[in-house]
Amino acid sequence: MQRLTVERLDEILERARGIRVLVVGDIMLDRYLRGTASRISPEAPVPVVRISDEWRALGGAANVAANVVALGASCTIAGCVGTDPEGDAVRAELRGRGVDDSGVLELNDRPTTVKTRIMARHHQIARYDREVEEDLDGEELAAFVESLEGLSGQCEAIVLEDYNKGVLSLPVVRSAIAAAGRRRIPVVVDPKTRGFFSYAGATVFKPNLVELEAALQSRARPDDPAWMEQARERLACDQLLLTLGEEGVALRTMAGEYVRIPAVARAVFDVSGAGDTVTAAMAVALSAGASPAEAAVLANHAAALEVAKPGVATVTAAELRVAVRDFMREFRSEVGGTSRE
């Protein structure tokens, strides 16, 4: 299995402190209502949840941006929010995390995307969304594309984070990838089903298993290097990073490298936001000089830390250092024949 030494991780994270990542995509606010459910409603066959706790978190592209900053890099985010209290809350939280929100447009004709999850103890029993999914167009689209031209000149990597909420239309995608090409900086794409084949020229294309199978309309074979190469060529990306949940990740590069990395998570509390963490870690690591394989290993460790936390969460550089040190210590013990019991 591909490994990442503590010394190499320290080198990558130290370099990350001097880089800036531009995150472009769908900004969301995640809202949580948690309580207990001890009876069924007399009005309908649904549980009645007595709410005892409520909190909010950054979601979508905003969560990717928060993860970039947590890993030690600087970040600018470009997307849109509504002229509503939720939009104000998102921008305040971004600024509080140290994210530059100068690329965020406030729009009068569409609300801030909000996902509200209702939890009975630790189990999600319902979710309701407030959103508009139509693509940006007209003057709003023109203004957004123009702003990307300026913002891309100030960064060392670009992330395109798609949640099918209308920001990453084809003109936006083409503008961002072209800008990255001119500057010779990496573009990391986290796609969704709409526009799945619109990211030709991306440095890293990072779908999950379900998304890739739905797009290709066939069963994925992540353990087959030849199949991974065929998929990479069809997607026209430099590197295909396929996330496999509890099975880890598979990486195929344009240079012919194939790496299969098992998951390292010991405890899975909540998988929400794990993909955002992987995307952020890949962008930070690549822009800091990591090889694709090193970046994938780093991202895999970061995902293991994220899923051990409740809800959508970030992973810090300090947490990542401890996790890799612990992993390498146990690996050396196993190689030396020492029991971990």
C-alpha atoms as a PDB file:
ATOM      1  CA  MET A   1       0.000   0.000   0.000  1.00  0.00           C
ATOM      2  CA  GLN A   2       1.201   3.519  -0.790  1.00  0.00           C
ATOM      3  CA  ARG A   3       2.431   5.264   2.370  1.00  0.00           C
ATOM      4  CA  LEU A   4       3.205   8.816   3.391  1.00  0.00           C
ATOM      5  CA  THR A   5       6.018   9.427   5.853  1.00  0.00           C
ATOM      6  CA  VAL A   6       5.621  11.875   8.709  1.00  0.00           C
ATOM      7  CA  GLU A   7       8.588  13.863   7.405  1.00  0.00           C
ATOM      8  CA  ARG A   8       7.082  14.190   3.940  1.00  0.00           C
ATOM      9  CA  LEU A   9       3.695  15.157   5.419  1.00  0.00           C
ATOM     10  CA  ASP A  10       5.354  17.899   7.485  1.00  0.00           C
ATOM     11  CA  GLU A  11       7.074  19.215   4.361  1.00  0.00           C
ATOM     12  CA  ILE A  12       3.802  19.331   2.400  1.00  0.00           C
ATOM     13  CA  LEU A  13       1.845  20.990   5.211  1.00  0.00           C
ATOM     14  CA  GLU A  14       4.573  23.563   5.776  1.00  0.00           C
ATOM     15  CA  ARG A  15       4.527  24.504   2.087  1.00  0.00           C
ATOM     16  CA  ALA A  16       0.718  24.702   2.244  1.00  0.00           C
ATOM     17  CA  ARG A  17       0.980  27.679   4.572  1.00  0.00           C
ATOM     18  CA  GLY A  18       2.181  29.764   1.652  1.00  0.00           C
ATOM     19  CA  ILE A  19      -0.451  28.862  -0.943  1.00  0.00           C
ATOM     20  CA  ARG A  20      -3.975  30.067  -1.740  1.00  0.00           C
ATOM     21  CA  VAL A  21      -6.793  27.907  -3.103  1.00  0.00           C
ATOM     22  CA  LEU A  22      -9.781  29.291  -5.010  1.00  0.00           C
ATOM     23  CA  VAL A  23     -12.936  27.258  -4.323  1.00  0.00           C
ATOM     24  CA  VAL A  24     -15.707  27.771  -6.883  1.00  0.00           C
ATOM     25  CA  GLY A  25     -19.113  26.181  -6.518  1.00  0.00           C
ATOM     26  CA  ASP A  26     -22.374  25.759  -4.667  1.00  0.00           C
ATOM     27  CA  ILE A  27     -22.382  27.350  -1.222  1.00  0.00           C
ATOM     28  CA  MET A  28     -24.758  25.842   1.303  1.00  0.00           C
ATOM     29  CA  LEU A  29     -25.753  26.145   4.936  1.00  0.00           C
ATOM     30  CA  ASP A  30     -26.344  22.903   6.837  1.00  0.00           C
ATOM     31  CA  ARG A  31     -28.846  23.216   9.699  1.00  0.00           C
ATOM     32  CA  TYR A  32     -29.292  20.526  12.352  1.00  0.00           C
ATOM     33  CA  LEU A  33     -32.224  19.970  14.719  1.00  0.00           C
ATOM     34  CA  ARG A  34     -31.575  17.196  17.241  1.00  0.00           C
ATOM     35  CA  GLY A  35     -33.766  15.751  19.955  1.00  0.00           C
ATOM     36  CA  THR A  36     -35.553  12.635  21.130  1.00  0.00           C
ATOM     37  CA  ALA A  37     -38.422  10.744  19.530  1.00  0.00           C
ATOM     38  CA  SER A  38     -40.532   8.742  21.968  1.00  0.00           C
ATOM     39  CA  ARG A  39     -43.970   8.784  20.343  1.00  0.00           C
ATOM     40  CA  ILE A  40     -45.792   8.783  17.025  1.00  0.00           C
ATOM     41  CA  SER A  41     -47.784  11.821  15.953  1.00  0.00           C
ATOM     42  CA  PRO A  42     -51.597  11.415  16.141  1.00  0.00           C
ATOM     43  CA  GLU A  43     -51.797  13.499  12.968  1.00  0.00           C
ATOM     44  CA  ALA A  44     -49.715  11.206  10.730  1.00  0.00           C
ATOM     45  CA  PRO A  45     -47.577   8.037  11.099  1.00  0.00           C
ATOM     46  CA  VAL A  46     -44.384  10.009  11.770  1.00  0.00           C
ATOM     47  CA  PRO A  47     -42.258  10.375  14.906  1.00  0.00           C
ATOM     48  CA  VAL A  48     -42.566  13.479  17.041  1.00  0.00           C
ATOM     49  CA  VAL A  49     -39.104  14.869  17.778  1.00  0.00           C
ATOM     50  CA  ARG A  50     -38.686  17.009  20.867  1.00  0.00           C
ATOM     51  CA  ILE A  51     -35.859  19.346  19.857  1.00  0.00           C
ATOM     52  CA  SER A  52     -33.159  19.913  22.460  1.00  0.00           C
ATOM     53  CA  ASP A  53     -30.235  21.085  20.345  1.00  0.00           C
ATOM     54  CA  GLU A  54     -29.840  23.169  17.205  1.00  0.00           C
ATOM     55  CA  TRP A  55     -26.753  24.241  15.255  1.00  0.00           C
ATOM     56  CA  ARG A  56     -25.558  25.282  11.821  1.00  0.00           C
ATOM     57  CA  ALA A  57     -22.501  24.420   9.739  1.00  0.00           C
ATOM     58  CA  LEU A  58     -20.998  25.393   6.409  1.00  0.00           C
ATOM     59  CA  GLY A  59     -21.906  23.030   3.591  1.00  0.00           C
ATOM     60  CA  GLY A  60     -20.934  22.334  -0.010  1.00  0.00           C
ATOM     61  CA  ALA A  61     -18.238  24.620  -1.399  1.00  0.00           C
ATOM     62  CA  ALA A  62     -18.218  26.547   1.882  1.00  0.00           C
ATOM     63  CA  ASN A  63     -17.236  23.388   3.755  1.00  0.00           C
ATOM     64  CA  VAL A  64     -14.448  22.709   1.261  1.00  0.00           C
ATOM     65  CA  ALA A  65     -13.162  26.244   1.850  1.00  0.00           C
ATOM     66  CA  ALA A  66     -13.267  25.740   5.619  1.00  0.00           C
ATOM     67  CA  ASN A  67     -11.266  22.512   5.230  1.00  0.00           C
ATOM     68  CA  VAL A  68      -8.660  24.257   3.070  1.00  0.00           C
ATOM     69  CA  VAL A  69      -8.072  26.830   5.802  1.00  0.00           C
ATOM     70  CA  ALA A  70      -8.047  24.182   8.547  1.00  0.00           C
ATOM     71  CA  LEU A  71      -5.196  22.455   6.701  1.00  0.00           C
ATOM     72  CA  GLY A  72      -3.150  25.644   6.894  1.00  0.00           C
ATOM     73  CA  ALA A  73      -3.614  27.159   3.434  1.00  0.00           C
ATOM     74  CA  SER A  74      -5.381  30.395   2.516  1.00  0.00           C
ATOM     75  CA  CYS A  75      -8.662  30.305   0.635  1.00  0.00           C
ATOM     76  CA  THR A  76     -10.924  32.481  -1.480  1.00  0.00           C
ATOM     77  CA  ILE A  77     -14.434  31.268  -2.245  1.00  0.00           C
ATOM     78  CA  ALA A  78     -16.616  32.125  -5.251  1.00  0.00           C
ATOM     79  CA  GLY A  79     -20.308  31.263  -5.331  1.00  0.00           C
ATOM     80  CA  CYS A  80     -23.630  32.839  -4.527  1.00  0.00           C
ATOM     81  CA  VAL A  81     -25.973  33.325  -1.581  1.00  0.00           C
ATOM     82  CA  GLY A  82     -29.327  35.012  -1.220  1.00  0.00           C
ATOM     83  CA  THR A  83     -30.028  38.386   0.344  1.00  0.00           C
ATOM     84  CA  ASP A  84     -31.432  36.650   3.408  1.00  0.00           C
ATOM     85  CA  PRO A  85     -30.404  35.935   7.014  1.00  0.00           C
ATOM     86  CA  GLU A  86     -28.978  32.560   5.997  1.00  0.00           C
ATOM     87  CA  GLY A  87     -26.717  34.235   3.446  1.00  0.00           C
ATOM     88  CA  ASP A  88     -25.533  36.655   6.118  1.00  0.00           C
ATOM     89  CA  ALA A  89     -24.858  33.703   8.435  1.00  0.00           C
ATOM     90  CA  VAL A  90     -22.806  31.880   5.786  1.00  0.00           C
ATOM     91  CA  ARG A  91     -20.674  34.932   5.047  1.00  0.00           C
ATOM     92  CA  ALA A  92     -20.113  35.636   8.732  1.00  0.00           C
ATOM     93  CA  GLU A  93     -19.053  32.038   9.338  1.00  0.00           C
ATOM     94  CA  LEU A  94     -16.714  32.079   6.333  1.00  0.00           C
ATOM     95  CA  ARG A  95     -15.048  35.243   7.546  1.00  0.00           C
ATOM     96  CA  GLY A  96     -14.837  33.823  11.058  1.00  0.00           C
ATOM     97  CA  ARG A  97     -12.938  30.844   9.644  1.00  0.00           C
ATOM     98  CA  GLY A  98     -10.538  33.134   7.792  1.00  0.00           C
ATOM     99  CA  VAL A  99     -11.984  32.494   4.312  1.00  0.00           C
ATOM    100  CA  ASP A 100     -11.941  35.397   1.849  1.00  0.00           C
ATOM    101  CA  ASP A 101     -15.530  35.751   0.619  1.00  0.00           C
ATOM    102  CA  SER A 102     -14.833  38.485  -1.950  1.00  0.00           C
ATOM    103  CA  GLY A 103     -15.982  36.137  -4.727  1.00  0.00           C
ATOM    104  CA  VAL A 104     -19.449  35.550  -3.223  1.00  0.00           C
ATOM    105  CA  LEU A 105     -22.356  37.158  -5.095  1.00  0.00           C
ATOM    106  CA  GLU A 106     -25.522  38.133  -3.241  1.00  0.00           C
ATOM    107  CA  LEU A 107     -28.595  37.511  -5.396  1.00  0.00           C
ATOM    108  CA  ASN A 108     -32.082  38.876  -4.829  1.00  0.00           C
ATOM    109  CA  ASP A 109     -33.939  36.306  -6.909  1.00  0.00           C
ATOM    110  CA  ARG A 110     -32.747  33.076  -5.285  1.00  0.00           C
ATOM    111  CA  PRO A 111     -32.417  32.021  -1.649  1.00  0.00           C
ATOM    112  CA  THR A 112     -29.330  30.734   0.085  1.00  0.00           C
ATOM    113  CA  THR A 113     -29.315  26.942  -0.206  1.00  0.00           C
ATOM    114  CA  VAL A 114     -30.165  25.460   3.199  1.00  0.00           C
ATOM    115  CA  LYS A 115     -30.330  21.765   4.098  1.00  0.00           C
ATOM    116  CA  THR A 116     -32.114  21.120   7.380  1.00  0.00           C
ATOM    117  CA  ARG A 117     -31.604  17.736   9.008  1.00  0.00           C
ATOM    118  CA  ILE A 118     -33.836  16.450  11.804  1.00  0.00           C
ATOM    119  CA  MET A 119     -32.044  14.046  14.119  1.00  0.00           C
ATOM    120  CA  ALA A 120     -33.459  11.687  16.725  1.00  0.00           C
ATOM    121  CA  ARG A 121     -30.397  11.305  18.914  1.00  0.00           C
ATOM    122  CA  HIS A 122     -27.705  10.402  16.353  1.00  0.00           C
ATOM    123  CA  HIS A 123     -30.034   9.143  13.604  1.00  0.00           C
ATOM    124  CA  GLN A 124     -31.286  11.366  10.799  1.00  0.00           C
ATOM    125  CA  ILE A 125     -35.005  10.799  10.320  1.00  0.00           C
ATOM    126  CA  ALA A 126     -35.845  13.591   7.875  1.00  0.00           C
ATOM    127  CA  ARG A 127     -34.306  16.368   5.812  1.00  0.00           C
ATOM    128  CA  TYR A 128     -35.853  19.306   4.049  1.00  0.00           C
ATOM    129  CA  ASP A 129     -34.110  21.617   1.584  1.00  0.00           C
ATOM    130  CA  ARG A 130     -34.640  25.198   0.487  1.00  0.00           C
ATOM    131  CA  GLU A 131     -32.932  25.872  -2.813  1.00  0.00           C
ATOM    132  CA  VAL A 132     -33.070  26.965  -6.442  1.00  0.00           C
ATOM    133  CA  GLU A 133     -31.258  24.674  -8.891  1.00  0.00           C
ATOM    134  CA  GLU A 134     -31.387  26.670 -12.135  1.00  0.00           C
ATOM    135  CA  ASP A 135     -28.059  27.747 -13.640  1.00  0.00           C
ATOM    136  CA  LEU A 136     -26.866  31.312 -13.257  1.00  0.00           C
ATOM    137  CA  ASP A 137     -27.528  33.236 -16.460  1.00  0.00           C
ATOM    138  CA  GLY A 138     -27.631  36.700 -17.966  1.00  0.00           C
ATOM    139  CA  GLU A 139     -25.894  39.528 -16.131  1.00  0.00           C
ATOM    140  CA  GLU A 140     -25.362  37.418 -13.014  1.00  0.00           C
ATOM    141  CA  LEU A 141     -23.459  34.794 -14.983  1.00  0.00           C
ATOM    142  CA  ALA A 142     -21.397  37.396 -16.846  1.00  0.00           C
ATOM    143  CA  ALA A 143     -20.438  39.119 -13.595  1.00  0.00           C
ATOM    144  CA  PHE A 144     -19.489  35.841 -11.969  1.00  0.00           C
ATOM    145  CA  VAL A 145     -17.294  34.697 -14.863  1.00  0.00           C
ATOM    146  CA  GLU A 146     -15.586  38.092 -14.956  1.00  0.00           C
ATOM    147  CA  SER A 147     -14.827  37.895 -11.227  1.00  0.00           C
ATOM    148  CA  LEU A 148     -13.208  34.473 -11.682  1.00  0.00           C
ATOM    149  CA  GLU A 149     -10.675  35.952 -14.089  1.00  0.00           C
ATOM    150  CA  GLY A 150      -9.341  38.228 -11.379  1.00  0.00           C
ATOM    151  CA  LEU A 151      -9.576  35.743  -8.507  1.00  0.00           C
ATOM    152  CA  SER A 152      -7.791  32.946 -10.392  1.00  0.00           C
ATOM    153  CA  GLY A 153      -4.714  35.119 -10.795  1.00  0.00           C
ATOM    154  CA  GLN A 154      -4.214  35.161  -7.024  1.00  0.00           C
ATOM    155  CA  CYS A 155      -4.234  31.424  -6.315  1.00  0.00           C
ATOM    156  CA  GLU A 156      -2.128  28.270  -6.666  1.00  0.00           C
ATOM    157  CA  ALA A 157      -5.019  25.817  -7.142  1.00  0.00           C
ATOM    158  CA  ILE A 158      -8.686  25.858  -8.118  1.00  0.00           C
ATOM    159  CA  VAL A 159     -11.447  23.614  -6.763  1.00  0.00           C
ATOM    160  CA  LEU A 160     -14.726  23.165  -8.647  1.00  0.00           C
ATOM    161  CA  GLU A 161     -17.306  21.922  -6.135  1.00  0.00           C
ATOM    162  CA  ASP A 162     -20.577  20.933  -7.796  1.00  0.00           C
ATOM    163  CA  TYR A 163     -23.806  20.164  -5.934  1.00  0.00           C
ATOM    164  CA  ASN A 164     -26.134  20.780  -8.903  1.00  0.00           C
ATOM    165  CA  LYS A 165     -27.316  24.132  -7.491  1.00  0.00           C
ATOM    166  CA  GLY A 166     -26.569  26.199 -10.590  1.00  0.00           C
ATOM    167  CA  VAL A 167     -23.180  27.848 -10.045  1.00  0.00           C
ATOM    168  CA  LEU A 168     -21.004  25.505 -12.124  1.00  0.00           C
ATOM    169  CA  SER A 169     -22.604  26.016 -15.512  1.00  0.00           C
ATOM    170  CA  LEU A 170     -20.541  25.257 -18.596  1.00  0.00           C
ATOM    171  CA  PRO A 171     -19.282  28.859 -19.074  1.00  0.00           C
ATOM    172  CA  VAL A 172     -18.057  28.944 -15.460  1.00  0.00           C
ATOM    173  CA  VAL A 173     -16.346  25.556 -15.744  1.00  0.00           C
ATOM    174  CA  ARG A 174     -14.642  26.448 -19.009  1.00  0.00           C
ATOM    175  CA  SER A 175     -13.476  29.795 -17.656  1.00  0.00           C
ATOM    176  CA  ALA A 176     -12.012  28.252 -14.495  1.00  0.00           C
ATOM    177  CA  ILE A 177     -10.209  25.401 -16.287  1.00  0.00           C
ATOM    178  CA  ALA A 178      -8.841  27.774 -18.933  1.00  0.00           C
ATOM    179  CA  ALA A 179      -7.558  30.137 -16.239  1.00  0.00           C
ATOM    180  CA  ALA A 180      -5.862  27.262 -14.449  1.00  0.00           C
ATOM    181  CA  GLY A 181      -4.276  26.126 -17.695  1.00  0.00           C
ATOM    182  CA  ARG A 182      -2.841  29.562 -18.353  1.00  0.00           C
ATOM    183  CA  ARG A 183      -1.342  29.678 -14.867  1.00  0.00           C
ATOM    184  CA  ARG A 184      -0.327  25.995 -14.883  1.00  0.00           C
ATOM    185  CA  ILE A 185      -2.006  25.303 -11.564  1.00  0.00           C
ATOM    186  CA  PRO A 186      -4.070  22.228 -10.597  1.00  0.00           C
ATOM    187  CA  VAL A 187      -7.849  22.041 -10.893  1.00  0.00           C
ATOM    188  CA  VAL A 188      -9.602  19.570  -8.575  1.00  0.00           C
ATOM    189  CA  VAL A 189     -13.196  18.706  -9.501  1.00  0.00           C
ATOM    190  CA  ASP A 190     -15.835  17.224  -7.216  1.00  0.00           C
ATOM    191  CA  PRO A 191     -18.650  16.514  -9.710  1.00  0.00           C
ATOM    192  CA  LYS A 192     -22.328  15.741  -9.566  1.00  0.00           C
ATOM    193  CA  THR A 193     -24.500  14.086 -12.197  1.00  0.00           C
ATOM    194  CA  ARG A 194     -25.460  17.225 -14.128  1.00  0.00           C
ATOM    195  CA  GLY A 195     -22.574  18.266 -16.352  1.00  0.00           C
ATOM    196  CA  PHE A 196     -20.524  15.213 -15.361  1.00  0.00           C
ATOM    197  CA  PHE A 197     -18.631  15.180 -18.675  1.00  0.00           C
ATOM    198  CA  SER A 198     -18.039  18.940 -18.787  1.00  0.00           C
ATOM    199  CA  TYR A 199     -14.690  18.968 -16.987  1.00  0.00           C
ATOM    200  CA  ALA A 200     -12.235  18.019 -19.723  1.00  0.00           C
ATOM    201  CA  GLY A 201      -8.763  19.220 -18.803  1.00  0.00           C
ATOM    202  CA  ALA A 202      -9.194  18.893 -15.046  1.00  0.00           C
ATOM    203  CA  THR A 203      -6.117  17.862 -13.079  1.00  0.00           C
ATOM    204  CA  VAL A 204      -8.063  15.658 -10.652  1.00  0.00           C
ATOM    205  CA  PHE A 205     -11.593  14.387 -11.214  1.00  0.00           C
ATOM    206  CA  LYS A 206     -13.007  12.983  -7.954  1.00  0.00           C
ATOM    207  CA  PRO A 207     -16.365  11.214  -8.205  1.00  0.00           C
ATOM    208  CA  ASN A 208     -17.645   8.628  -5.784  1.00  0.00           C
ATOM    209  CA  LEU A 209     -18.577   5.121  -6.882  1.00  0.00           C
ATOM    210  CA  VAL A 210     -22.316   5.776  -7.220  1.00  0.00           C
ATOM    211  CA  GLU A 211     -21.779   8.952  -9.262  1.00  0.00           C
ATOM    212  CA  LEU A 212     -19.328   7.322 -11.652  1.00  0.00           C
ATOM    213  CA  GLU A 213     -21.478   4.241 -12.256  1.00  0.00           C
ATOM    214  CA  ALA A 214     -24.539   6.414 -12.892  1.00  0.00           C
ATOM    215  CA  ALA A 215     -22.638   8.580 -15.382  1.00  0.00           C
ATOM    216  CA  LEU A 216     -21.018   5.685 -17.244  1.00  0.00           C
ATOM    217  CA  GLN A 217     -24.156   3.533 -16.971  1.00  0.00           C
ATOM    218  CA  SER A 218     -22.036   0.518 -16.127  1.00  0.00           C
ATOM    219  CA  ARG A 219     -20.519  -1.160 -13.123  1.00  0.00           C
ATOM    220  CA  ALA A 220     -17.238   0.361 -11.983  1.00  0.00           C
ATOM    221  CA  ARG A 221     -14.134  -1.807 -11.574  1.00  0.00           C
ATOM    222  CA  PRO A 222     -11.855   0.237  -9.312  1.00  0.00           C
ATOM    223  CA  ASP A 223      -9.505  -2.708  -8.716  1.00  0.00           C
ATOM    224  CA  ASP A 224      -8.835  -3.063 -12.451  1.00  0.00           C
ATOM    225  CA  PRO A 225      -6.100  -0.634 -13.602  1.00  0.00           C
ATOM    226  CA  ALA A 226      -7.076  -1.040 -17.259  1.00  0.00           C
ATOM    227  CA  TRP A 227     -10.709  -0.156 -16.526  1.00  0.00           C
ATOM    228  CA  MET A 228      -9.628   2.848 -14.458  1.00  0.00           C
ATOM    229  CA  GLU A 229      -7.524   4.042 -17.392  1.00  0.00           C
ATOM    230  CA  GLN A 230     -10.472   3.707 -19.773  1.00  0.00           C
ATOM    231  CA  ALA A 231     -12.638   5.729 -17.391  1.00  0.00           C
ATOM    232  CA  ARG A 232      -9.925   8.384 -16.998  1.00  0.00           C
ATOM    233  CA  GLU A 233      -9.586   8.741 -20.763  1.00  0.00           C
ATOM    234  CA  ARG A 234     -13.337   9.055 -21.210  1.00  0.00           C
ATOM    235  CA  LEU A 235     -13.458  11.806 -18.574  1.00  0.00           C
ATOM    236  CA  ALA A 236     -10.458  13.563 -20.169  1.00  0.00           C
ATOM    237  CA  CYS A 237      -8.766  14.294 -16.843  1.00  0.00           C
ATOM    238  CA  ASP A 238      -5.143  13.999 -15.791  1.00  0.00           C
ATOM    239  CA  GLN A 239      -5.945  11.952 -12.688  1.00  0.00           C
ATOM    240  CA  LEU A 240      -9.061  10.012 -11.792  1.00  0.00           C
ATOM    241  CA  LEU A 241      -9.524   9.686  -8.022  1.00  0.00           C
ATOM    242  CA  LEU A 242     -12.435   7.383  -7.268  1.00  0.00           C
ATOM    243  CA  THR A 243     -13.658   7.447  -3.668  1.00  0.00           C
ATOM    244  CA  LEU A 244     -15.038   4.136  -2.420  1.00  0.00           C
ATOM    245  CA  GLY A 245     -16.385   4.865   1.063  1.00  0.00           C
ATOM    246  CA  GLU A 246     -15.298   2.213   3.529  1.00  0.00           C
ATOM    247  CA  GLU A 247     -13.137   0.647   0.779  1.00  0.00           C
ATOM    248  CA  GLY A 248     -10.828   3.678   0.503  1.00  0.00           C
ATOM    249  CA  VAL A 249      -9.847   5.247  -2.841  1.00  0.00           C
ATOM    250  CA  ALA A 250      -8.440   4.264  -6.233  1.00  0.00           C
ATOM    251  CA  LEU A 251      -6.181   6.550  -8.268  1.00  0.00           C
ATOM    252  CA  ARG A 252      -5.255   6.363 -11.939  1.00  0.00           C
ATOM    253  CA  THR A 253      -2.954   8.986 -13.458  1.00  0.00           C
ATOM    254  CA  MET A 254      -2.187  10.117 -16.987  1.00  0.00           C
ATOM    255  CA  ALA A 255       1.398   8.972 -16.389  1.00  0.00           C
ATOM    256  CA  GLY A 256       0.196   5.382 -16.079  1.00  0.00           C
ATOM    257  CA  GLU A 257       0.341   5.128 -12.282  1.00  0.00           C
ATOM    258  CA  TYR A 258      -2.323   3.096 -10.514  1.00  0.00           C
ATOM    259  CA  VAL A 259      -2.668   3.255  -6.727  1.00  0.00           C
ATOM    260  CA  ARG A 260      -5.230   1.436  -4.604  1.00  0.00           C
ATOM    261  CA  ILE A 261      -5.435   2.858  -1.074  1.00  0.00           C
ATOM    262  CA  PRO A 262      -7.536   1.060   1.570  1.00  0.00           C
ATOM    263  CA  ALA A 263      -9.521   3.126   4.047  1.00  0.00           C
ATOM    264  CA  VAL A 264      -7.780   3.835   7.354  1.00  0.00           C
ATOM    265  CA  ALA A 265     -10.861   4.889   9.352  1.00  0.00           C
ATOM    266  CA  ARG A 266     -11.339   2.970  12.609  1.00  0.00           C
ATOM    267  CA  ALA A 267     -14.615   4.524  13.660  1.00  0.00           C
ATOM    268  CA  VAL A 268     -17.306   5.917  11.379  1.00  0.00           C
ATOM    269  CA  PHE A 269     -19.622   8.316  13.173  1.00  0.00           C
ATOM    270  CA  ASP A 270     -21.005  10.323  10.249  1.00  0.00           C
ATOM    271  CA  VAL A 271     -19.943  10.270   6.576  1.00  0.00           C
ATOM    272  CA  SER A 272     -21.445  13.720   5.858  1.00  0.00           C
ATOM    273  CA  GLY A 273     -18.827  16.012   4.379  1.00  0.00           C
ATOM    274  CA  ALA A 274     -16.137  13.374   3.876  1.00  0.00           C
ATOM    275  CA  GLY A 275     -15.991  14.051   0.147  1.00  0.00           C
ATOM    276  CA  ASP A 276     -15.498  17.770   0.807  1.00  0.00           C
ATOM    277  CA  THR A 277     -12.543  16.968   3.060  1.00  0.00           C
ATOM    278  CA  VAL A 278     -10.957  14.754   0.393  1.00  0.00           C
ATOM    279  CA  THR A 279     -11.380  17.473  -2.231  1.00  0.00           C
ATOM    280  CA  ALA A 280      -9.809  20.139  -0.023  1.00  0.00           C
ATOM    281  CA  ALA A 281      -6.906  17.891   0.964  1.00  0.00           C
ATOM    282  CA  MET A 282      -6.146  16.985  -2.661  1.00  0.00           C
ATOM    283  CA  ALA A 283      -6.082  20.635  -3.734  1.00  0.00           C
ATOM    284  CA  VAL A 284      -3.905  21.740  -0.825  1.00  0.00           C
ATOM    285  CA  ALA A 285      -1.458  18.843  -1.177  1.00  0.00           C
ATOM    286  CA  LEU A 286      -1.029  19.117  -4.955  1.00  0.00           C
ATOM    287  CA  SER A 287      -0.498  22.873  -4.846  1.00  0.00           C
ATOM    288  CA  ALA A 288       2.066  22.336  -2.077  1.00  0.00           C
ATOM    289  CA  GLY A 289       4.122  20.036  -4.289  1.00  0.00           C
ATOM    290  CA  ALA A 290       2.791  16.583  -3.396  1.00  0.00           C
ATOM    291  CA  SER A 291       2.670  13.898  -6.067  1.00  0.00           C
ATOM    292  CA  PRO A 292      -0.819  12.611  -7.007  1.00  0.00           C
ATOM    293  CA  ALA A 293      -0.222   9.438  -4.971  1.00  0.00           C
ATOM    294  CA  GLU A 294       1.014  11.390  -1.934  1.00  0.00           C
ATOM    295  CA  ALA A 295      -1.965  13.722  -2.165  1.00  0.00           C
ATOM    296  CA  ALA A 296      -4.373  10.767  -2.370  1.00  0.00           C
ATOM    297  CA  VAL A 297      -2.849   9.140   0.724  1.00  0.00           C
ATOM    298  CA  LEU A 298      -3.020  12.419   2.628  1.00  0.00           C
ATOM    299  CA  ALA A 299      -6.655  12.901   1.588  1.00  0.00           C
ATOM    300  CA  ASN A 300      -7.487   9.345   2.629  1.00  0.00           C
ATOM    301  CA  HIS A 301      -6.140  10.003   6.139  1.00  0.00           C
ATOM    302  CA  ALA A 302      -8.058  13.276   6.298  1.00  0.00           C
ATOM    303  CA  ALA A 303     -11.302  11.510   5.342  1.00  0.00           C
ATOM    304  CA  ALA A 304     -10.758   8.955   8.116  1.00  0.00           C
ATOM    305  CA  LEU A 305     -10.550  11.771  10.637  1.00  0.00           C
ATOM    306  CA  GLU A 306     -13.630  13.532   9.254  1.00  0.00           C
ATOM    307  CA  VAL A 307     -15.958  10.522   9.378  1.00  0.00           C
ATOM    308  CA  ALA A 308     -15.090  10.001  13.056  1.00  0.00           C
ATOM    309  CA  LYS A 309     -16.714  13.369  13.841  1.00  0.00           C
ATOM    310  CA  PRO A 310     -20.447  14.127  14.068  1.00  0.00           C
ATOM    311  CA  GLY A 311     -21.988  16.071  11.192  1.00  0.00           C
ATOM    312  CA  VAL A 312     -20.083  18.071   8.608  1.00  0.00           C
ATOM    313  CA  ALA A 313     -16.657  18.834  10.072  1.00  0.00           C
ATOM    314  CA  THR A 314     -13.168  20.055   9.205  1.00  0.00           C
ATOM    315  CA  VAL A 315      -9.797  18.376   9.706  1.00  0.00           C
ATOM    316  CA  THR A 316      -6.813  20.391  10.883  1.00  0.00           C
ATOM    317  CA  ALA A 317      -3.175  20.057   9.934  1.00  0.00           C
ATOM    318  CA  ALA A 318      -2.354  19.182  13.553  1.00  0.00           C
ATOM    319  CA  GLU A 319      -4.912  16.353  13.583  1.00  0.00           C
ATOM    320  CA  LEU A 320      -3.550  15.024  10.323  1.00  0.00           C
ATOM    321  CA  ARG A 321       0.018  14.982  11.659  1.00  0.00           C
ATOM    322  CA  VAL A 322      -1.037  13.000  14.728  1.00  0.00           C
ATOM    323  CA  ALA A 323      -3.066  10.529  12.646  1.00  0.00           C
ATOM    324  CA  VAL A 324      -0.218   9.820  10.216  1.00  0.00           C
ATOM    325  CA  ARG A 325       2.299   9.471  13.074  1.00  0.00           C
ATOM    326  CA  ASP A 326       0.028   6.985  14.843  1.00  0.00           C
ATOM    327  CA  PHE A 327      -0.563   5.066  11.631  1.00  0.00           C
ATOM    328  CA  MET A 328       3.137   4.818  10.839  1.00  0.00           C
ATOM    329  CA  ARG A 329       3.947   3.765  14.409  1.00  0.00           C
ATOM    330  CA  GLU A 330       1.450   0.912  14.180  1.00  0.00           C
ATOM    331  CA  PHE A 331       2.680  -0.043  10.729  1.00  0.00           C
ATOM    332  CA  ARG A 332       6.242  -0.334  12.011  1.00  0.00           C
ATOM    333  CA  SER A 333       5.013  -2.456  14.911  1.00  0.00           C
ATOM    334  CA  GLU A 334       3.229  -4.799  12.524  1.00  0.00           C
ATOM    335  CA  VAL A 335       6.254  -5.059  10.250  1.00  0.00           C
ATOM    336  CA  GLY A 336       8.455  -5.798  13.269  1.00  0.00           C
ATOM    337  CA  GLY A 337       6.073  -8.481  14.469  1.00  0.00           C
ATOM    338  CA  THR A 338       4.968  -6.611  17.548  1.00  0.00           C
ATOM    339  CA  SER A 339       1.376  -7.140  18.614  1.00  0.00           C
ATOM    340  CA  ARG A 340      -0.890  -4.111  18.873  1.00  0.00           C
ATOM    341  CA  GLU A 341      -2.899  -5.661  21.691  1.00  0.00           C
END
